[in-house]
């Protein structure tokens, strides 16, 4: 599979490329797509920029039967919000020592995964297939290891949170999508396949925990 895409600060340069590229749609490999309706046009790059806004500056109004009712929004804990205070969940599962013995398996054997994007950041959610496996994920699928695993894409950082009561983890990878959306020239500019990629990560699972999971 070959994907062709270009970016340039000069619109005229892209117009030249679009004209020169047109013959490849009729004389290159079979199965060419993306040229329906003629040669591709030049469009501006549009990116999503996410940021935090102090909720105290947003006026909140509740309407009941056509009548507006002013409301007051609790300011919350600004310090916790700015630092992304982690939720420490699944602590009902006893921690286990790092597995020195056991079976090496891909992460998908002990977890489900789902991923998506928000601008140039990606989220990967992992859910342990059973509560006893949470400690294995916590100890072996660390933010540092995830960052190393995605080093060929990652330019930012990786943060991990535990999800209370769900035996799950949420990983936030920043600057990992090449700009994200239409700003990226990647095959997967929205990180939809990132969970599947991470589920190939090898982890060592003690025999006592892996047995029922088989």
Protein backbone atom coordinates (compact mmCIF):
# COMPACT_ATOMS: atom_id res chain seq x y z
CA UNK A 1 0.00 0.00 0.00
CA UNK A 2 1.29 3.43 -0.92
CA UNK A 3 -0.11 6.67 0.44
CA UNK A 4 0.94 9.94 -1.15
CA UNK A 5 0.42 13.21 0.67
CA UNK A 6 2.29 16.49 0.84
CA UNK A 7 2.37 19.66 2.91
CA UNK A 8 3.86 23.01 1.92
CA UNK A 9 3.69 26.60 3.09
CA UNK A 10 3.22 27.75 -0.50
CA UNK A 11 -0.16 26.94 -2.08
CA UNK A 12 1.22 27.33 -5.61
CA UNK A 13 3.80 24.61 -4.96
CA UNK A 14 1.02 22.20 -4.02
CA UNK A 15 -0.94 23.14 -7.14
CA UNK A 16 2.08 22.13 -9.23
CA UNK A 17 2.29 18.80 -7.40
CA UNK A 18 -1.43 18.15 -7.90
CA UNK A 19 -1.10 18.69 -11.65
CA UNK A 20 1.99 16.50 -11.94
CA UNK A 21 0.47 13.78 -9.77
CA UNK A 22 -2.65 13.31 -11.90
CA UNK A 23 -1.07 10.89 -14.45
CA UNK A 24 -0.22 8.42 -11.69
CA UNK A 25 -3.95 7.94 -11.15
CA UNK A 26 -4.27 6.44 -14.63
CA UNK A 27 -0.83 4.94 -15.25
CA UNK A 28 0.36 3.64 -11.90
CA UNK A 29 -0.72 0.60 -9.89
CA UNK A 30 -4.16 -0.95 -9.89
CA UNK A 31 -6.63 -0.14 -7.16
CA UNK A 32 -5.86 3.58 -7.04
CA UNK A 33 -8.34 5.52 -4.91
CA UNK A 34 -8.76 9.09 -3.83
CA UNK A 35 -8.99 10.62 -7.32
CA UNK A 36 -12.77 10.42 -7.65
CA UNK A 37 -13.98 13.70 -9.12
CA UNK A 38 -10.63 14.62 -10.64
CA UNK A 39 -7.24 15.48 -9.25
CA UNK A 40 -7.09 16.29 -5.54
CA UNK A 41 -7.51 19.91 -4.60
CA UNK A 42 -5.29 21.94 -2.30
CA UNK A 43 -6.87 22.58 1.08
CA UNK A 44 -5.67 24.36 4.22
CA UNK A 45 -4.45 22.31 7.16
CA UNK A 46 -6.93 22.50 10.04
CA UNK A 47 -5.78 21.35 13.46
CA UNK A 48 -7.48 20.89 16.80
CA UNK A 49 -5.93 22.74 19.73
CA UNK A 50 -7.23 21.60 23.13
CA UNK A 51 -6.80 23.69 26.26
CA UNK A 52 -8.15 24.09 29.78
CA UNK A 53 -10.56 26.94 30.53
CA UNK A 54 -11.35 28.13 34.05
CA UNK A 55 -14.98 27.08 34.47
CA UNK A 56 -15.66 30.11 36.66
CA UNK A 57 -15.64 32.31 33.53
CA UNK A 58 -18.39 30.26 31.86
CA UNK A 59 -21.93 31.41 32.63
CA UNK A 60 -24.19 28.46 33.31
CA UNK A 61 -27.95 28.83 32.92
CA UNK A 62 -30.70 26.28 33.46
CA UNK A 63 -33.99 26.80 31.63
CA UNK A 64 -37.14 25.36 33.16
CA UNK A 65 -40.39 25.87 31.26
CA UNK A 66 -38.93 28.86 29.49
CA UNK A 67 -37.65 30.48 32.69
CA UNK A 68 -33.92 30.96 33.16
CA UNK A 69 -32.54 29.92 36.53
CA UNK A 70 -29.08 31.14 37.44
CA UNK A 71 -26.81 28.48 38.87
CA UNK A 72 -23.51 28.49 40.69
CA UNK A 73 -20.78 26.07 39.65
CA UNK A 74 -18.46 24.83 42.34
CA UNK A 75 -14.91 26.00 41.55
CA UNK A 76 -13.44 22.58 42.29
CA UNK A 77 -9.86 21.81 43.16
CA UNK A 78 -7.79 23.84 40.72
CA UNK A 79 -4.53 22.28 41.89
CA UNK A 80 -5.78 18.75 41.30
CA UNK A 81 -7.19 19.68 37.87
CA UNK A 82 -3.95 21.29 36.70
CA UNK A 83 -1.86 18.32 37.74
CA UNK A 84 -4.28 15.64 36.54
CA UNK A 85 -4.52 13.91 39.92
CA UNK A 86 -4.48 10.16 39.23
CA UNK A 87 -7.31 7.95 40.37
CA UNK A 88 -5.92 4.98 42.25
CA UNK A 89 -8.39 2.23 41.56
CA UNK A 90 -8.45 -1.54 41.52
CA UNK A 91 -6.44 -1.53 44.75
CA UNK A 92 -8.85 -4.20 45.96
CA UNK A 93 -6.63 -6.56 43.97
CA UNK A 94 -3.53 -7.46 45.92
CA UNK A 95 -0.28 -6.33 44.34
CA UNK A 96 2.03 -9.11 43.31
CA UNK A 97 5.80 -9.10 43.00
CA UNK A 98 7.17 -8.66 39.47
CA UNK A 99 6.80 -11.97 37.68
CA UNK A 100 10.15 -13.73 37.45
CA UNK A 101 8.52 -16.93 36.26
CA UNK A 102 5.52 -17.56 34.12
CA UNK A 103 4.47 -17.48 30.51
CA UNK A 104 5.28 -14.68 28.06
CA UNK A 105 2.10 -13.80 26.20
CA UNK A 106 0.87 -10.82 24.19
CA UNK A 107 -1.03 -8.30 26.28
CA UNK A 108 -4.25 -9.13 24.41
CA UNK A 109 -4.34 -12.49 26.24
CA UNK A 110 -5.05 -10.69 29.52
CA UNK A 111 -6.66 -7.40 28.44
CA UNK A 112 -9.07 -5.71 26.07
CA UNK A 113 -8.13 -2.40 24.46
CA UNK A 114 -9.70 0.59 22.71
CA UNK A 115 -8.09 3.75 21.41
CA UNK A 116 -8.89 7.07 19.79
CA UNK A 117 -7.69 10.63 19.36
CA UNK A 118 -8.06 14.18 20.55
CA UNK A 119 -6.06 16.45 18.31
CA UNK A 120 -2.43 15.34 18.32
CA UNK A 121 -2.94 13.16 21.42
CA UNK A 122 -4.11 9.56 21.64
CA UNK A 123 -5.89 7.70 24.42
CA UNK A 124 -5.48 3.97 24.93
CA UNK A 125 -7.81 2.22 27.34
CA UNK A 126 -6.97 -1.21 28.74
CA UNK A 127 -9.40 -3.41 30.69
CA UNK A 128 -8.12 -6.50 32.48
CA UNK A 129 -9.95 -9.65 31.43
CA UNK A 130 -10.34 -10.48 35.12
CA UNK A 131 -9.55 -8.53 38.31
CA UNK A 132 -6.59 -10.71 39.29
CA UNK A 133 -4.71 -9.56 36.19
CA UNK A 134 -4.79 -5.86 37.09
CA UNK A 135 -1.55 -6.07 39.05
CA UNK A 136 0.25 -7.60 36.05
CA UNK A 137 -0.82 -4.71 33.83
CA UNK A 138 0.04 -2.15 36.51
CA UNK A 139 3.52 -3.57 37.04
CA UNK A 140 4.49 -4.32 33.45
CA UNK A 141 2.56 -1.90 31.21
CA UNK A 142 4.04 1.22 32.76
CA UNK A 143 3.97 4.68 31.16
CA UNK A 144 7.71 4.38 30.56
CA UNK A 145 7.32 1.08 28.74
CA UNK A 146 4.43 2.38 26.63
CA UNK A 147 6.52 5.42 25.71
CA UNK A 148 9.37 3.16 24.61
CA UNK A 149 6.97 0.95 22.63
CA UNK A 150 5.63 3.94 20.68
CA UNK A 151 8.99 5.72 20.42
CA UNK A 152 8.83 5.60 16.61
CA UNK A 153 5.78 7.91 16.76
CA UNK A 154 5.86 9.57 20.17
CA UNK A 155 7.27 13.08 20.56
CA UNK A 156 5.51 13.95 23.79
CA UNK A 157 4.84 12.09 27.03
CA UNK A 158 2.75 9.22 28.40
CA UNK A 159 0.54 9.52 31.48
CA UNK A 160 -1.40 6.65 33.03
CA UNK A 161 -4.49 6.70 35.23
CA UNK A 162 -6.33 3.84 36.89
CA UNK A 163 -10.11 3.82 36.50
CA UNK A 164 -11.95 3.21 39.78
CA UNK A 165 -13.90 -0.02 39.97
CA UNK A 166 -13.36 -0.92 36.33
CA UNK A 167 -10.07 -2.86 36.59
CA UNK A 168 -8.90 -0.60 33.79
CA UNK A 169 -6.24 1.91 32.84
CA UNK A 170 -6.23 4.98 30.63
CA UNK A 171 -3.03 6.02 28.86
CA UNK A 172 -2.65 9.49 27.39
CA UNK A 173 0.03 9.87 24.70
CA UNK A 174 0.74 13.45 23.63
CA UNK A 175 2.25 14.56 20.31
CA UNK A 176 1.92 11.08 18.87
CA UNK A 177 -0.32 11.46 15.80
CA UNK A 178 1.80 13.63 13.52
CA UNK A 179 -0.56 16.54 14.01
CA UNK A 180 -3.72 14.45 14.12
CA UNK A 181 -6.76 14.46 11.84
CA UNK A 182 -6.28 16.04 8.43
CA UNK A 183 -3.07 17.71 9.63
CA UNK A 184 -1.30 14.34 9.67
CA UNK A 185 0.16 12.38 6.78
CA UNK A 186 0.03 9.14 8.79
CA UNK A 187 -1.91 6.05 7.76
CA UNK A 188 -3.67 6.20 11.13
CA UNK A 189 -3.90 9.92 11.96
CA UNK A 190 -6.53 9.30 14.66
CA UNK A 191 -4.82 6.47 16.54
CA UNK A 192 -7.67 3.98 16.05
CA UNK A 193 -5.18 1.12 15.73
CA UNK A 194 -2.98 2.14 18.67
CA UNK A 195 -4.77 -0.18 21.13
CA UNK A 196 -4.29 -3.12 18.76
CA UNK A 197 -0.61 -2.23 18.49
CA UNK A 198 -0.20 -2.06 22.27
CA UNK A 199 -2.02 -5.38 22.72
CA UNK A 200 0.93 -7.05 20.96
CA UNK A 201 3.20 -5.99 23.84
CA UNK A 202 4.68 -9.08 25.54
CA UNK A 203 3.99 -9.49 29.26
CA UNK A 204 5.00 -12.22 31.69
CA UNK A 205 2.04 -13.75 33.50
CA UNK A 206 2.37 -16.18 36.44
CA UNK A 207 1.01 -19.62 35.63
CA UNK A 208 -1.57 -19.41 38.40
CA UNK A 209 -3.12 -16.32 36.81
CA UNK A 210 -2.83 -17.35 33.17
CA UNK A 211 -4.33 -20.80 33.54
CA UNK A 212 -7.99 -19.75 33.83
CA UNK A 213 -7.46 -17.05 31.21
CA UNK A 214 -6.55 -19.66 28.61
